Protein backbone atom coordinates (compact mmCIF):
# COMPACT_ATOMS: atom_id res chain seq x y z
CA UNK A 1 0.00 0.00 0.00
CA UNK A 2 1.33 3.44 -0.94
CA UNK A 3 0.14 6.49 0.93
CA UNK A 4 0.44 9.91 -0.68
CA UNK A 5 -0.63 13.40 0.21
CA UNK A 6 -0.60 16.78 -1.45
CA UNK A 7 2.30 19.23 -1.51
CA UNK A 8 0.18 21.70 0.45
CA UNK A 9 -0.43 19.10 3.16
CA UNK A 10 3.25 18.20 3.26
CA UNK A 11 4.24 21.85 3.60
CA UNK A 12 1.82 22.29 6.48
CA UNK A 13 3.19 19.20 8.16
CA UNK A 14 6.79 20.41 7.77
CA UNK A 15 5.90 23.78 9.25
CA UNK A 16 4.28 22.03 12.17
CA UNK A 17 7.36 19.85 12.68
CA UNK A 18 9.62 22.90 12.72
CA UNK A 19 7.48 24.76 15.22
CA UNK A 20 7.23 21.83 17.62
CA UNK A 21 10.45 19.85 17.29
CA UNK A 22 13.01 22.58 17.80
CA UNK A 23 11.86 23.79 21.22
CA UNK A 24 11.60 20.27 22.68
CA UNK A 25 14.91 18.90 21.41
CA UNK A 26 17.69 20.70 23.30
CA UNK A 27 19.92 17.63 23.27
CA UNK A 28 19.83 17.39 19.52
CA UNK A 29 20.30 21.12 19.10
CA UNK A 30 23.35 21.25 21.33
CA UNK A 31 25.18 18.51 19.47
CA UNK A 32 26.04 15.15 21.00
CA UNK A 33 29.50 14.17 19.84
CA UNK A 34 32.23 14.31 22.44
CA UNK A 35 32.17 16.02 25.81
CA UNK A 36 29.36 18.52 26.33
CA UNK A 37 30.05 20.69 29.40
CA UNK A 38 27.04 22.89 28.60
CA UNK A 39 24.71 19.96 29.19
CA UNK A 40 24.80 20.77 32.90
CA UNK A 41 22.56 23.78 32.25
CA UNK A 42 19.65 21.56 31.24
CA UNK A 43 17.02 20.92 33.85
CA UNK A 44 17.00 17.59 35.68
CA UNK A 45 13.75 16.67 33.98
CA UNK A 46 15.03 17.27 30.44
CA UNK A 47 14.22 14.48 27.98
CA UNK A 48 16.88 11.93 27.14
CA UNK A 49 18.84 12.58 23.94
CA UNK A 50 17.51 10.79 20.88
CA UNK A 51 18.82 7.26 20.24
CA UNK A 52 20.68 8.64 17.21
CA UNK A 53 23.24 10.20 19.57
CA UNK A 54 24.63 6.77 20.39
CA UNK A 55 24.70 5.90 16.69
CA UNK A 56 27.45 8.48 16.21
CA UNK A 57 31.10 7.47 16.08
CA UNK A 58 33.46 8.39 18.87
CA UNK A 59 32.98 9.04 22.56
CA UNK A 60 29.66 10.35 23.80
CA UNK A 61 29.46 11.94 27.26
CA UNK A 62 27.69 14.99 28.73
CA UNK A 63 29.69 16.24 31.70
CA UNK A 64 28.26 18.75 34.12
CA UNK A 65 30.64 21.21 35.81
CA UNK A 66 32.82 19.37 38.31
CA UNK A 67 32.26 15.93 36.81
CA UNK A 68 35.33 13.66 36.59
CA UNK A 69 36.92 13.17 33.20
CA UNK A 70 36.58 9.82 31.49
CA UNK A 71 39.49 7.40 31.85
CA UNK A 72 41.69 6.69 28.85
CA UNK A 73 40.60 3.40 27.32
CA UNK A 74 41.88 1.36 24.38
CA UNK A 75 38.81 -0.80 23.72
CA UNK A 76 37.28 -0.58 20.26
CA UNK A 77 33.89 -0.09 21.87
CA UNK A 78 32.58 0.40 25.41
CA UNK A 79 29.56 1.61 27.36
CA UNK A 80 28.61 2.36 30.97
CA UNK A 81 24.98 2.60 32.07
CA UNK A 82 22.77 2.70 35.14
CA UNK A 83 21.28 -0.78 35.33
CA UNK A 84 18.18 0.41 37.20
CA UNK A 85 17.13 3.33 35.01
CA UNK A 86 18.76 2.21 31.76
CA UNK A 87 20.40 5.64 31.34
CA UNK A 88 23.67 5.47 29.38
CA UNK A 89 26.21 7.63 31.19
CA UNK A 90 28.90 7.44 28.51
CA UNK A 91 29.85 5.30 25.53
CA UNK A 92 32.34 4.93 22.72
CA UNK A 93 31.15 3.57 19.36
CA UNK A 94 28.22 1.99 21.20
CA UNK A 95 26.67 0.43 18.09
CA UNK A 96 29.85 -0.71 16.39
CA UNK A 97 29.27 -4.30 15.27
CA UNK A 98 31.98 -6.59 16.63
CA UNK A 99 32.41 -10.27 17.38
CA UNK A 100 31.09 -10.84 20.93
CA UNK A 101 32.81 -14.11 21.87
CA UNK A 102 31.29 -15.78 24.95
CA UNK A 103 29.51 -12.64 26.12
CA UNK A 104 26.84 -13.82 23.66
CA UNK A 105 26.10 -16.56 26.19
CA UNK A 106 24.15 -13.91 28.11
CA UNK A 107 21.62 -13.82 25.27
CA UNK A 108 21.66 -17.62 25.18
CA UNK A 109 20.80 -17.69 28.88
CA UNK A 110 18.03 -15.09 28.55
CA UNK A 111 16.51 -17.24 25.81
CA UNK A 112 16.89 -20.75 27.21
CA UNK A 113 16.77 -20.37 31.01
CA UNK A 114 12.94 -20.22 31.07
CA UNK A 115 12.50 -23.36 28.96
CA UNK A 116 13.94 -26.20 31.09
CA UNK A 117 13.53 -26.40 34.89
CA UNK A 118 16.81 -26.29 36.81
CA UNK A 119 16.18 -29.56 38.70
CA UNK A 120 15.60 -31.70 35.58
CA UNK A 121 18.17 -34.49 35.22
CA UNK A 122 19.46 -35.37 31.75
CA UNK A 123 21.79 -38.07 30.44
CA UNK A 124 24.02 -36.63 27.74
CA UNK A 125 24.46 -38.35 24.38
CA UNK A 126 27.42 -38.14 22.00
CA UNK A 127 25.18 -36.53 19.39
CA UNK A 128 24.52 -33.58 21.72
CA UNK A 129 28.24 -32.86 21.92
CA UNK A 130 28.85 -33.02 18.18
CA UNK A 131 30.03 -29.91 16.36
CA UNK A 132 31.80 -28.14 19.22
CA UNK A 133 34.29 -25.69 17.74
CA UNK A 134 38.00 -26.45 17.88
CA UNK A 135 39.68 -24.80 20.84
CA UNK A 136 36.39 -24.15 22.62
CA UNK A 137 36.29 -23.63 26.35
CA UNK A 138 34.81 -26.71 28.05
CA UNK A 139 33.54 -27.56 31.50
CA UNK A 140 33.94 -31.32 31.03
CA UNK A 141 30.54 -32.72 30.06
CA UNK A 142 30.90 -36.46 29.40
CA UNK A 143 28.60 -38.57 27.16
CA UNK A 144 26.64 -41.12 29.15
CA UNK A 145 26.78 -39.12 32.38
CA UNK A 146 23.68 -37.58 33.96
CA UNK A 147 23.57 -33.92 34.94
CA UNK A 148 21.07 -31.58 36.48
CA UNK A 149 20.20 -28.63 34.26
CA UNK A 150 21.49 -26.37 37.05
CA UNK A 151 24.90 -28.10 36.77
CA UNK A 152 24.99 -27.33 33.07
CA UNK A 153 24.16 -23.67 33.68
CA UNK A 154 27.02 -23.39 36.18
CA UNK A 155 29.22 -24.86 33.47
CA UNK A 156 28.02 -22.14 31.07
CA UNK A 157 28.44 -19.17 33.41
CA UNK A 158 31.59 -20.18 35.31
CA UNK A 159 33.67 -22.14 32.81
CA UNK A 160 32.04 -20.70 29.68
CA UNK A 161 31.61 -24.33 28.66
CA UNK A 162 30.57 -24.69 25.03
CA UNK A 163 29.88 -28.36 25.76
CA UNK A 164 27.23 -27.35 28.31
CA UNK A 165 25.77 -24.86 25.82
CA UNK A 166 25.41 -27.58 23.17
CA UNK A 167 23.53 -29.87 25.55
CA UNK A 168 21.19 -27.11 26.76
CA UNK A 169 20.53 -26.03 23.17
CA UNK A 170 19.51 -29.58 22.29
CA UNK A 171 17.15 -29.63 25.28
CA UNK A 172 15.72 -26.37 23.94
CA UNK A 173 14.92 -27.84 20.51
CA UNK A 174 18.22 -27.83 18.67
CA UNK A 175 21.13 -25.61 17.67
CA UNK A 176 19.55 -23.74 14.77
CA UNK A 177 16.20 -23.41 16.55
CA UNK A 178 17.98 -21.87 19.53
CA UNK A 179 19.88 -19.44 17.30
CA UNK A 180 16.59 -18.27 15.77
CA UNK A 181 15.05 -17.87 19.21
CA UNK A 182 18.05 -15.87 20.39
CA UNK A 183 17.73 -13.58 17.39
CA UNK A 184 14.06 -12.98 18.16
CA UNK A 185 14.85 -12.37 21.83
CA UNK A 186 17.49 -9.80 20.91
CA UNK A 187 15.01 -7.90 18.75
CA UNK A 188 12.37 -7.98 21.49
CA UNK A 189 14.88 -6.28 23.80
CA UNK A 190 15.77 -3.62 21.25
CA UNK A 191 19.18 -5.12 20.50
CA UNK A 192 19.28 -4.42 16.78
CA UNK A 193 23.03 -4.85 16.19
CA UNK A 194 23.19 -8.52 17.12
CA UNK A 195 23.25 -11.31 14.56
CA UNK A 196 23.34 -14.84 16.01
CA UNK A 197 24.99 -17.70 14.14
CA UNK A 198 26.54 -19.83 16.90
CA UNK A 199 24.66 -19.71 20.25
CA UNK A 200 27.84 -20.33 22.27
CA UNK A 201 29.59 -17.21 20.91
CA UNK A 202 32.19 -19.19 18.96
CA UNK A 203 33.55 -17.21 16.02
CA UNK A 204 31.28 -17.58 12.99
CA UNK A 205 30.91 -15.65 9.75
CA UNK A 206 28.47 -12.79 10.26
CA UNK A 207 28.11 -13.21 14.02
CA UNK A 208 28.23 -9.77 15.65
CA UNK A 209 26.90 -7.76 18.55
CA UNK A 210 27.73 -4.37 20.06
CA UNK A 211 28.56 -2.75 23.37
CA UNK A 212 25.01 -1.38 23.45
CA UNK A 213 23.36 -4.74 22.83
CA UNK A 214 25.55 -6.60 25.30
CA UNK A 215 24.71 -4.05 27.99
CA UNK A 216 21.03 -4.61 27.20
CA UNK A 217 21.51 -8.36 27.66
CA UNK A 218 23.44 -7.94 30.90
CA UNK A 219 20.87 -5.57 32.35
CA UNK A 220 18.00 -7.89 31.41
CA UNK A 221 19.86 -10.82 32.94
CA UNK A 222 20.17 -9.14 36.31
CA UNK A 223 16.36 -9.03 36.47
CA UNK A 224 16.23 -12.84 36.24
CA UNK A 225 16.99 -14.39 39.65
CA UNK A 226 18.50 -17.56 38.14
CA UNK A 227 20.69 -15.60 35.73
CA UNK A 228 21.82 -13.26 38.52
CA UNK A 229 22.68 -16.16 40.81
CA UNK A 230 24.67 -18.06 38.19
CA UNK A 231 26.59 -15.04 36.87
CA UNK A 232 27.66 -13.98 40.38
CA UNK A 233 28.90 -17.44 41.47
CA UNK A 234 32.67 -17.47 41.88
CA UNK A 235 33.23 -21.17 42.60
CA UNK A 236 31.12 -24.32 42.37
CA UNK A 237 31.38 -28.10 42.12
CA UNK A 238 30.68 -29.88 38.83
CA UNK A 239 29.85 -33.58 38.43
CA UNK A 240 32.66 -35.82 37.20
CA UNK A 241 32.49 -39.51 36.37
CA UNK A 242 31.35 -42.30 38.68
CA UNK A 243 29.70 -39.95 41.14
CA UNK A 244 32.73 -37.72 41.71
CA UNK A 245 32.73 -33.91 41.82
CA UNK A 246 35.40 -31.34 41.01
CA UNK A 247 35.65 -27.63 41.61
CA UNK A 248 35.24 -25.07 38.85
CA UNK A 249 35.99 -21.34 39.05
CA UNK A 250 34.42 -18.40 37.28
CA UNK A 251 36.71 -17.12 34.52
CA UNK A 252 35.62 -13.52 35.25
CA UNK A 253 38.78 -12.28 37.00
CA UNK A 254 37.07 -9.21 38.45
CA UNK A 255 34.88 -11.61 40.41
CA UNK A 256 37.47 -14.17 41.55
CA UNK A 257 40.69 -12.13 41.64
CA UNK A 258 42.52 -14.84 39.74
CA UNK A 259 45.79 -14.27 37.84
CA UNK A 260 46.67 -11.15 39.78
CA UNK A 261 43.50 -9.19 38.98
CA UNK A 262 42.20 -7.43 42.08
CA UNK A 263 38.53 -8.31 42.71
CA UNK A 264 36.19 -5.36 42.22
CA UNK A 265 34.23 -4.34 45.34
CA UNK A 266 30.51 -4.91 44.92
CA UNK A 267 30.92 -6.82 41.66
CA UNK A 268 27.83 -8.79 40.67
CA UNK A 269 29.55 -10.55 37.80
CA UNK A 270 27.91 -11.25 34.41
CA UNK A 271 30.16 -12.64 31.61
CA UNK A 272 33.56 -12.46 29.99
CA UNK A 273 34.70 -13.89 26.66
CA UNK A 274 37.62 -14.39 24.33
CA UNK A 275 38.24 -15.64 20.81
CA UNK A 276 41.10 -14.92 18.44
CA UNK A 277 38.74 -12.86 16.26
CA UNK A 278 36.82 -11.03 18.99
CA UNK A 279 39.72 -10.43 21.34
CA UNK A 280 38.74 -10.03 24.99
CA UNK A 281 35.18 -8.96 25.75
CA UNK A 282 33.39 -8.37 29.03
CA UNK A 283 30.02 -7.45 30.48
CA UNK A 284 30.31 -6.55 34.16
CA UNK A 285 27.98 -5.12 36.78
CA UNK A 286 28.61 -3.80 40.26
CA UNK A 287 26.54 -2.27 43.04
CA UNK A 288 27.57 0.55 45.37
CA UNK A 289 25.54 2.83 47.66
CA UNK A 290 22.24 1.64 46.21
CA UNK A 291 23.28 2.14 42.58
CA UNK A 292 23.96 -0.65 40.07
CA UNK A 293 26.08 -0.01 37.00
CA UNK A 294 26.59 -2.23 33.97
CA UNK A 295 29.58 -1.83 31.66
CA UNK A 296 30.62 -3.43 28.41
CA UNK A 297 34.20 -3.50 27.12
CA UNK A 298 34.99 -4.94 23.68
CA UNK A 299 38.46 -5.79 22.40
CA UNK A 300 41.04 -3.57 24.14
CA UNK A 301 43.90 -2.71 21.81
CA UNK A 302 46.58 -2.27 24.47
CA UNK A 303 47.85 -4.43 27.29
CA UNK A 304 47.54 -8.18 27.58
CA UNK A 305 44.64 -10.52 28.14
CA UNK A 306 43.79 -8.95 31.50
CA UNK A 307 43.46 -5.41 30.14
CA UNK A 308 39.72 -5.87 29.60
CA UNK A 309 39.24 -6.16 33.37
CA UNK A 310 41.26 -3.04 34.14
CA UNK A 311 39.35 -0.99 31.58
CA UNK A 312 36.05 -2.27 33.02
CA UNK A 313 37.31 -1.36 36.50
CA UNK A 314 38.15 2.17 35.32
CA UNK A 315 34.69 2.57 33.77
CA UNK A 316 32.95 1.36 36.93
CA UNK A 317 35.01 3.71 39.10
CA UNK A 318 34.21 6.60 36.79
CA UNK A 319 30.53 5.70 36.60
CA UNK A 320 30.06 5.63 40.37
CA UNK A 321 31.93 8.92 40.75
CA UNK A 322 30.14 10.66 37.87
CA UNK A 323 26.63 9.22 37.99
CA UNK A 324 25.03 12.30 39.56
CA UNK A 325 27.19 14.76 37.65
CA UNK A 326 26.52 13.80 34.04
CA UNK A 327 23.48 13.95 31.78
CA UNK A 328 22.63 10.69 30.00
CA UNK A 329 23.60 10.28 26.36
CA UNK A 330 20.93 7.69 25.67
CA UNK A 331 18.97 4.80 27.14
CA UNK A 332 19.16 1.02 27.03
CA UNK A 333 15.39 1.13 26.50
CA UNK A 334 15.48 3.57 23.60
CA UNK A 335 15.32 1.04 20.76
CA UNK A 336 13.03 -1.45 22.46
CA UNK A 337 9.81 -2.18 20.53
CA UNK A 338 6.60 -1.21 22.31
CA UNK A 339 3.46 -3.30 21.92
CA UNK A 340 0.26 -1.43 21.08
CA UNK A 341 -1.91 -4.54 21.07
CA UNK A 342 -2.46 -4.66 24.83
CA UNK A 343 -2.22 -1.49 26.87
CA UNK A 344 -1.84 -1.86 30.67
CA UNK A 345 -4.32 -0.26 33.01
CA UNK A 346 -3.38 3.19 34.23
CA UNK A 347 -0.91 3.11 37.09
CA UNK A 348 0.10 -0.54 36.74
CA UNK A 349 3.49 0.20 35.19
CA UNK A 350 3.26 -3.08 33.25
CA UNK A 351 4.75 -3.34 29.78
CA UNK A 352 4.50 -6.11 27.23
CA UNK A 353 7.72 -7.42 25.67
CA UNK A 354 5.92 -8.94 22.70
CA UNK A 355 5.51 -7.13 19.40
CA UNK A 356 4.08 -8.65 16.25
CA UNK A 357 6.15 -8.52 13.07
CA UNK A 358 3.66 -6.15 11.46
CA UNK A 359 3.89 -3.75 14.40
CA UNK A 360 7.69 -3.48 14.54
CA UNK A 361 8.33 -0.76 11.96
CA UNK A 362 5.83 1.58 13.59
CA UNK A 363 6.90 0.82 17.15
CA UNK A 364 10.57 1.21 16.28
CA UNK A 365 9.82 4.67 14.91
CA UNK A 366 7.98 5.62 18.10
CA UNK A 367 10.85 4.30 20.23
CA UNK A 368 13.29 6.36 18.19
CA UNK A 369 11.31 9.49 19.03
CA UNK A 370 11.01 8.70 22.73
CA UNK A 371 13.46 11.43 23.68
CA UNK A 372 11.12 14.07 22.26
CA UNK A 373 8.49 13.45 24.95
CA UNK A 374 4.74 13.85 24.50
CA UNK A 375 5.15 16.60 21.89
CA UNK A 376 6.98 14.18 19.62
CA UNK A 377 4.14 11.68 19.83
CA UNK A 378 1.58 14.35 19.07
CA UNK A 379 3.39 15.16 15.83
CA UNK A 380 2.88 11.57 14.67
CA UNK A 381 -0.82 11.81 15.40
CA UNK A 382 -1.15 15.13 13.55
CA UNK A 383 0.73 13.79 10.53
CA UNK A 384 -1.50 10.73 10.48
CA UNK A 385 -4.59 12.97 10.49
CA UNK A 386 -3.17 15.07 7.67
CA UNK A 387 -2.54 11.98 5.59
CA UNK A 388 -6.04 10.71 6.15
CA UNK A 389 -7.48 14.07 5.14
CA UNK A 390 -5.50 14.09 1.92
CA UNK A 391 -7.70 11.19 0.65
CA UNK A 392 -5.03 10.07 -1.81
CA UNK A 393 -4.52 6.43 -0.90
CA UNK A 394 -3.66 3.93 -3.61
CA UNK A 395 -3.24 0.19 -3.14
CA UNK A 396 -0.86 -1.89 -5.18
């Protein structure tokens, strides 16, 4: 269906846009690339900058007077956000598409955790362990042995075990089915940069995510009690053969303090990753004085394999020091589709995560205008009325 309207109608609509948009978009008018000291003059209730601000290349931060300067970081992409409000405090190339390595297991967990109860016992077959990538991290799943689903999840979160991921994916309906479900889950969360090929995060052609998307996954995971418990576990026992058990340790060095990395105070955990293509990647969260921050660091270009933890540490330190002295540069909710098929009752605060395929283009457009406030929404309604009045609708 093509919808057209007259030049006169279009001119009226453009005039209306100009008269309404400019006064309610101070963030866009002030420019969003780089440090913005003048942002401190905006009122505390000013609308969030439009999502397009985070689409820009380079570092995005809006420092108020007296705010600490950002640390020097070498990562190709990074982001720090308030996990409670979703406000992005600062970011660098937030939507740059990069290989995620095992941080993609956070999306795997968000997708599969609800499908199989943790206390289910399962005997693993050789077929379920077929196709594990060469050089993969493993927790030690053995064909013929029986495991609780909770054991397998500890293998995923602590040892980043691709063998445990393969078994859980089979329990979920298969490898390709799980990849498709993960892709749909990412879209439902507003993570539009992510393309899933291999659910375990193993390097695969076309598999990408971004600092923004990974922060979305980490934040969503913290709202799931099972996810939060697994990702914050430093040590656990894993079943061996013939009824034996052996200890496994979380490979997130900020959590365990292994290999000389100092543990971060208040760290909740989440997920680290590494492949030769992705480099080192990390999603980390910490809580201090009632505030929870989530950071993503992707592929530091300096230092060794532990640099990713030190850059995450620097971002967390900065975020806690600067949280009340910066204006947000975006939101982890900004690109999330909004369902218009079932509206909650007034005052309930409920929000549906489901959006039909036919609704997504319209809801994505509304989400993109969220920073404009109610005036931005009214423009869409006025434009729709103008189009209807034009009476020039053709179907083809």
